[in-house]
Amino acid sequence: MTRAEQIADILRGRIATGRLGPGDAVPSTRAIMRDHNVAMATASRVLVLLQDDGLIESTPGRGSVVRAADGVGSAVLTRDRVIATAMSIADAEGLGAVSMRRLASTLDIPTMALYRYVPSREELELAMLDSVMGEVDLRPQTGDWRVDLHGSCMAMWRSMVAHPWFAGALSMTRPASMPNAMPLAERMLGCLHAAGLDPVQAFTDYLCLLNLIRGLGSTLEPELADRAETGLDNDEWMDARVGELRRIAPESTHPNMARIMEVGYPYDVDVLLESGLRRFLDGIQTRLV
């Protein structure tokens, strides 16, 4: 990276974080020379790079200023709108479809203009995850720990169903800092404490429940993609392959598999979740009796 590119990155960061907003003057060539101890050619190159990015423009009498986003007034395009648009793309096509270039194209702004609202692709994804957590609809508590805990789990599940990419993007081993995740965590832990669990066991069961929900949620996006590609839902796909399953698991050696193939299994991820939650909560309740 050249010295001009390094300085341009510093100024991009100021624009991305809002320290320099639309219409604000950016450092002049002389100011860049003085502040960064570089030659005039290097300082001039810095401004050219920012102009090429669509981040600044020359204004008579003012020099170079931060440019407002093309096609969208600065009062209209906000960070929230950028994040919401990214989520819409992910909901329709998967998280992998959300690139900075694709997002900028959808918003009809230069790609580099996005960095005024989100400094990086990584921060965009984190903001999307936090936004989904902010949609988790926690209902008023009833005072019954089991009812309230079940309701909290189902609230998170509804958000996963609404955003199929969400579960796969969550890390349970190295979780990101998401302010909007805290109300759900506090509610679930409070329910587990109300059930009589100590702080360590409560947090253990909290993580187990999250992993149960996330694990089933991570099947949503791949299933939608497979359905779009094959035109078959899960049951239709399995029906087309039951003959192959019988071949590799004949009744003579796999009688238990043969039983379920005989009666058929109506796959439903909501049924799996409800069954898993019920049995998990039964286990907590039984232990407390």
Protein backbone atom coordinates (compact mmCIF):
# COMPACT_ATOMS: atom_id res chain seq x y z
CA MET A 1 0.00 0.00 0.00
CA THR A 2 1.41 3.38 -1.00
CA ARG A 3 1.65 6.32 1.38
CA ALA A 4 -1.16 8.07 -0.51
CA GLU A 5 -3.39 5.01 -0.10
CA GLN A 6 -2.62 4.86 3.62
CA ILE A 7 -3.62 8.49 4.12
CA ALA A 8 -6.71 8.02 1.97
CA ASP A 9 -7.73 5.10 4.24
CA ILE A 10 -7.44 7.36 7.28
CA LEU A 11 -9.76 9.90 5.69
CA ARG A 12 -12.16 7.16 4.55
CA GLY A 13 -12.38 6.09 8.18
CA ARG A 14 -13.30 9.61 9.26
CA ILE A 15 -16.02 9.72 6.63
CA ALA A 16 -17.27 6.23 7.52
CA THR A 17 -17.58 7.07 11.23
CA GLY A 18 -19.29 10.39 10.57
CA ARG A 19 -16.45 12.55 11.82
CA LEU A 20 -16.61 14.06 8.33
CA GLY A 21 -20.20 14.28 7.11
CA PRO A 22 -21.75 15.32 3.78
CA GLY A 23 -20.70 18.88 2.94
CA ASP A 24 -17.83 18.96 5.43
CA ALA A 25 -14.49 20.18 4.11
CA VAL A 26 -11.74 17.57 3.88
CA PRO A 27 -8.10 18.45 4.49
CA SER A 28 -6.56 20.45 1.67
CA THR A 29 -3.44 19.39 -0.21
CA ARG A 30 -1.35 21.68 1.97
CA ALA A 31 -2.96 20.37 5.15
CA ILE A 32 -2.23 16.78 4.12
CA MET A 33 1.38 17.75 3.33
CA ARG A 34 1.75 19.34 6.75
CA ASP A 35 -0.10 16.72 8.83
CA HIS A 36 1.48 13.67 7.20
CA ASN A 37 4.85 15.07 6.14
CA VAL A 38 4.45 14.10 2.48
CA ALA A 39 5.18 15.78 -0.83
CA MET A 40 2.56 17.72 -2.78
CA ALA A 41 2.28 14.94 -5.39
CA THR A 42 1.40 12.44 -2.66
CA ALA A 43 -1.11 14.78 -1.04
CA SER A 44 -2.73 15.46 -4.41
CA ARG A 45 -2.95 11.72 -5.03
CA VAL A 46 -4.84 11.26 -1.75
CA LEU A 47 -7.60 13.59 -2.93
CA VAL A 48 -7.72 11.91 -6.34
CA LEU A 49 -8.23 8.52 -4.67
CA LEU A 50 -11.10 9.85 -2.58
CA GLN A 51 -12.66 11.47 -5.64
CA ASP A 52 -12.37 8.20 -7.56
CA ASP A 53 -14.17 6.47 -4.69
CA GLY A 54 -17.01 8.97 -5.01
CA LEU A 55 -16.47 10.17 -1.45
CA ILE A 56 -15.52 13.80 -2.08
CA GLU A 57 -16.11 16.49 -4.67
CA SER A 58 -14.62 19.90 -5.42
CA THR A 59 -16.73 22.91 -4.51
CA PRO A 60 -15.77 26.41 -5.73
CA GLY A 61 -14.56 28.53 -2.86
CA ARG A 62 -14.49 25.60 -0.42
CA GLY A 63 -12.06 23.13 -1.91
CA SER A 64 -12.88 19.45 -1.46
CA VAL A 65 -15.92 18.42 0.60
CA VAL A 66 -17.55 15.14 1.53
CA ARG A 67 -20.04 14.21 -1.13
CA ALA A 68 -23.68 13.37 -0.38
CA ALA A 69 -24.74 9.91 -1.58
CA ASP A 70 -25.86 9.89 -5.21
CA GLY A 71 -29.55 9.20 -5.79
CA VAL A 72 -30.42 9.34 -2.11
CA GLY A 73 -30.64 12.47 0.00
CA SER A 74 -28.51 12.51 3.12
CA ALA A 75 -31.72 12.90 5.15
CA VAL A 76 -33.11 9.70 3.58
CA LEU A 77 -30.20 7.30 3.50
CA THR A 78 -29.32 6.30 7.04
CA ARG A 79 -27.33 3.54 8.68
CA ASP A 80 -30.58 1.85 9.64
CA ARG A 81 -31.74 1.88 6.03
CA VAL A 82 -28.42 0.46 4.83
CA ILE A 83 -28.69 -2.39 7.34
CA ALA A 84 -32.35 -3.03 6.53
CA THR A 85 -31.55 -3.22 2.82
CA ALA A 86 -28.72 -5.67 3.48
CA MET A 87 -31.09 -7.82 5.53
CA SER A 88 -33.66 -7.81 2.72
CA ILE A 89 -31.04 -9.12 0.30
CA ALA A 90 -29.98 -11.80 2.79
CA ASP A 91 -33.59 -12.82 3.46
CA ALA A 92 -34.23 -13.30 -0.25
CA GLU A 93 -30.91 -14.73 -1.44
CA GLY A 94 -28.80 -15.69 1.57
CA LEU A 95 -26.08 -13.92 3.48
CA GLY A 96 -23.50 -14.75 0.82
CA ALA A 97 -25.34 -12.49 -1.61
CA VAL A 98 -24.67 -9.44 0.57
CA SER A 99 -21.51 -7.81 -0.74
CA MET A 100 -20.68 -4.14 -0.39
CA ARG A 101 -20.89 -3.78 -4.17
CA ARG A 102 -24.30 -5.48 -4.35
CA LEU A 103 -25.63 -3.42 -1.46
CA ALA A 104 -24.41 -0.17 -2.99
CA SER A 105 -26.00 -1.10 -6.30
CA THR A 106 -29.33 -1.80 -4.60
CA LEU A 107 -29.17 1.56 -2.82
CA ASP A 108 -28.00 3.26 -6.02
CA ILE A 109 -24.93 4.83 -4.45
CA PRO A 110 -21.17 4.45 -5.09
CA THR A 111 -19.72 1.44 -3.31
CA MET A 112 -17.29 3.53 -1.29
CA ALA A 113 -20.14 5.71 -0.07
CA LEU A 114 -21.33 2.76 2.01
CA TYR A 115 -18.32 3.14 4.26
CA ARG A 116 -19.86 6.32 5.65
CA TYR A 117 -22.48 4.09 7.28
CA VAL A 118 -20.66 0.80 7.93
CA PRO A 119 -16.84 0.81 8.03
CA SER A 120 -16.48 -2.80 6.84
CA ARG A 121 -18.31 -5.90 5.60
CA GLU A 122 -17.68 -7.49 9.00
CA GLU A 123 -19.31 -4.60 10.84
CA LEU A 124 -22.24 -4.71 8.44
CA GLU A 125 -22.85 -8.37 9.25
CA LEU A 126 -22.60 -7.70 12.98
CA ALA A 127 -25.11 -4.86 12.63
CA MET A 128 -27.45 -7.17 10.72
CA LEU A 129 -27.25 -9.81 13.45
CA ASP A 130 -27.86 -7.24 16.16
CA SER A 131 -30.82 -5.87 14.21
CA VAL A 132 -32.42 -9.32 14.05
CA MET A 133 -31.92 -9.71 17.80
CA GLY A 134 -33.70 -6.41 18.19
CA GLU A 135 -36.73 -7.95 16.47
CA VAL A 136 -37.07 -10.76 19.01
CA ASP A 137 -40.53 -10.16 20.44
CA LEU A 138 -40.44 -10.89 24.15
CA ARG A 139 -43.97 -11.04 25.51
CA PRO A 140 -44.90 -9.88 29.03
CA GLN A 141 -43.86 -12.40 31.66
CA THR A 142 -46.46 -14.62 33.31
CA GLY A 143 -44.42 -15.45 36.42
CA ASP A 144 -44.27 -19.13 35.43
CA TRP A 145 -40.60 -19.84 34.66
CA ARG A 146 -41.38 -22.66 32.24
CA VAL A 147 -44.02 -20.77 30.27
CA ASP A 148 -41.82 -17.68 30.07
CA LEU A 149 -38.70 -19.64 29.09
CA HIS A 150 -40.58 -21.52 26.37
CA GLY A 151 -42.00 -18.24 25.10
CA SER A 152 -38.53 -16.68 24.96
CA CYS A 153 -37.16 -19.61 22.96
CA MET A 154 -40.05 -19.44 20.51
CA ALA A 155 -39.57 -15.68 20.11
CA MET A 156 -35.99 -16.29 19.00
CA TRP A 157 -37.14 -19.09 16.70
CA ARG A 158 -39.64 -16.81 14.98
CA SER A 159 -36.84 -14.36 14.22
CA MET A 160 -34.75 -17.20 12.77
CA VAL A 161 -37.60 -18.30 10.53
CA ALA A 162 -38.07 -14.70 9.36
CA HIS A 163 -34.34 -14.44 8.58
CA PRO A 164 -33.13 -17.92 7.49
CA TRP A 165 -29.48 -16.77 7.19
CA PHE A 166 -29.37 -15.63 10.80
CA ALA A 167 -28.67 -18.92 12.58
CA GLY A 168 -25.75 -19.85 10.35
CA ALA A 169 -24.12 -16.47 10.97
CA LEU A 170 -24.23 -16.78 14.76
CA SER A 171 -21.17 -18.01 16.62
CA MET A 172 -21.82 -19.77 19.89
CA THR A 173 -18.15 -20.23 20.79
CA ARG A 174 -16.97 -16.70 20.02
CA PRO A 175 -20.13 -14.61 20.25
CA ALA A 176 -20.10 -11.04 19.00
CA SER A 177 -21.08 -8.16 21.24
CA MET A 178 -24.70 -7.39 20.36
CA PRO A 179 -26.57 -4.97 22.63
CA ASN A 180 -29.93 -6.19 21.30
CA ALA A 181 -29.12 -9.75 22.40
CA MET A 182 -28.98 -8.77 26.05
CA PRO A 183 -32.74 -8.58 26.78
CA LEU A 184 -33.25 -12.16 25.55
CA ALA A 185 -30.25 -13.41 27.53
CA GLU A 186 -31.45 -11.63 30.66
CA ARG A 187 -34.98 -13.02 30.26
CA MET A 188 -33.85 -16.61 29.73
CA LEU A 189 -31.35 -16.53 32.58
CA GLY A 190 -33.97 -14.99 34.85
CA CYS A 191 -36.35 -17.85 34.03
CA LEU A 192 -33.69 -20.44 34.80
CA HIS A 193 -32.79 -18.73 38.07
CA ALA A 194 -36.49 -18.67 38.95
CA ALA A 195 -36.52 -22.43 38.37
CA GLY A 196 -33.97 -22.72 41.18
CA LEU A 197 -30.78 -23.24 39.17
CA ASP A 198 -27.50 -21.79 40.39
CA PRO A 199 -25.76 -19.23 38.11
CA VAL A 200 -23.37 -21.74 36.49
CA GLN A 201 -26.05 -24.37 35.77
CA ALA A 202 -28.45 -21.65 34.58
CA PHE A 203 -25.88 -20.36 32.11
CA THR A 204 -25.09 -23.91 30.97
CA ASP A 205 -28.75 -24.63 30.26
CA TYR A 206 -29.12 -21.22 28.59
CA LEU A 207 -26.31 -22.10 26.17
CA CYS A 208 -27.78 -25.55 25.55
CA LEU A 209 -31.14 -24.03 24.65
CA LEU A 210 -29.53 -21.47 22.35
CA ASN A 211 -27.59 -24.21 20.60
CA LEU A 212 -30.73 -26.31 20.19
CA ILE A 213 -32.54 -23.39 18.56
CA ARG A 214 -29.55 -22.33 16.49
CA GLY A 215 -28.84 -25.90 15.36
CA LEU A 216 -32.33 -26.34 13.93
CA GLY A 217 -32.27 -22.78 12.61
CA SER A 218 -29.11 -23.50 10.64
CA THR A 219 -31.09 -25.97 8.49
CA LEU A 220 -33.51 -23.31 7.26
CA GLU A 221 -31.36 -21.52 4.68
CA PRO A 222 -29.87 -24.68 3.10
CA GLU A 223 -33.34 -26.24 2.82
CA LEU A 224 -34.71 -23.15 1.07
CA ALA A 225 -31.75 -23.17 -1.32
CA ASP A 226 -32.18 -26.90 -2.05
CA ARG A 227 -35.90 -26.45 -2.59
CA ALA A 228 -35.27 -23.64 -5.05
CA GLU A 229 -32.66 -25.70 -6.91
CA THR A 230 -34.54 -29.01 -7.08
CA GLY A 231 -38.17 -27.93 -6.96
CA LEU A 232 -38.73 -30.57 -4.25
CA ASP A 233 -39.50 -30.09 -0.59
CA ASN A 234 -37.83 -32.31 2.02
CA ASP A 235 -40.59 -34.94 2.03
CA GLU A 236 -40.64 -35.18 -1.78
CA TRP A 237 -36.86 -35.48 -1.88
CA MET A 238 -36.89 -38.30 0.69
CA ASP A 239 -39.73 -40.12 -1.11
CA ALA A 240 -37.63 -40.14 -4.26
CA ARG A 241 -34.76 -41.80 -2.39
CA VAL A 242 -36.49 -44.28 -0.11
CA GLY A 243 -35.57 -47.11 -2.49
CA GLU A 244 -31.88 -46.29 -2.14
CA LEU A 245 -32.25 -46.11 1.66
CA ARG A 246 -33.84 -49.55 1.72
CA ARG A 247 -30.95 -50.87 -0.35
CA ILE A 248 -28.24 -49.63 2.02
CA ALA A 249 -30.26 -50.37 5.18
CA PRO A 250 -32.16 -53.63 4.54
CA GLU A 251 -34.64 -54.82 7.15
CA SER A 252 -32.53 -57.91 7.87
CA THR A 253 -29.71 -55.81 9.34
CA HIS A 254 -31.43 -52.51 10.11
CA PRO A 255 -34.89 -53.38 11.50
CA ASN A 256 -35.28 -50.06 13.32
CA MET A 257 -34.59 -48.01 10.20
CA ALA A 258 -36.98 -50.28 8.32
CA ARG A 259 -39.77 -49.46 10.78
CA ILE A 260 -39.61 -45.73 10.18
CA MET A 261 -39.28 -46.19 6.42
CA GLU A 262 -42.39 -48.33 6.50
CA VAL A 263 -44.56 -45.77 8.29
CA GLY A 264 -42.86 -42.71 6.77
CA TYR A 265 -41.66 -39.64 8.60
CA PRO A 266 -43.35 -36.24 8.03
CA TYR A 267 -40.33 -33.97 8.49
CA ASP A 268 -41.22 -30.66 10.12
CA VAL A 269 -38.53 -28.52 11.73
CA ASP A 270 -41.11 -26.79 13.94
CA VAL A 271 -42.13 -30.18 15.35
CA LEU A 272 -38.48 -31.00 16.02
CA LEU A 273 -38.01 -27.73 17.88
CA GLU A 274 -41.16 -28.12 19.96
CA SER A 275 -40.25 -31.70 20.86
CA GLY A 276 -36.69 -30.73 21.80
CA LEU A 277 -37.81 -27.80 23.94
CA ARG A 278 -40.48 -29.81 25.71
CA ARG A 279 -38.10 -32.61 26.61
CA PHE A 280 -35.37 -30.20 27.71
CA LEU A 281 -37.75 -28.28 29.96
CA ASP A 282 -39.19 -31.55 31.27
CA GLY A 283 -35.65 -32.48 32.29
CA ILE A 284 -35.18 -29.24 34.24
CA GLN A 285 -38.56 -29.58 35.92
CA THR A 286 -38.02 -33.25 36.85
CA ARG A 287 -34.68 -32.45 38.44
CA LEU A 288 -36.28 -29.79 40.61
CA VAL A 289 -39.04 -32.01 41.98
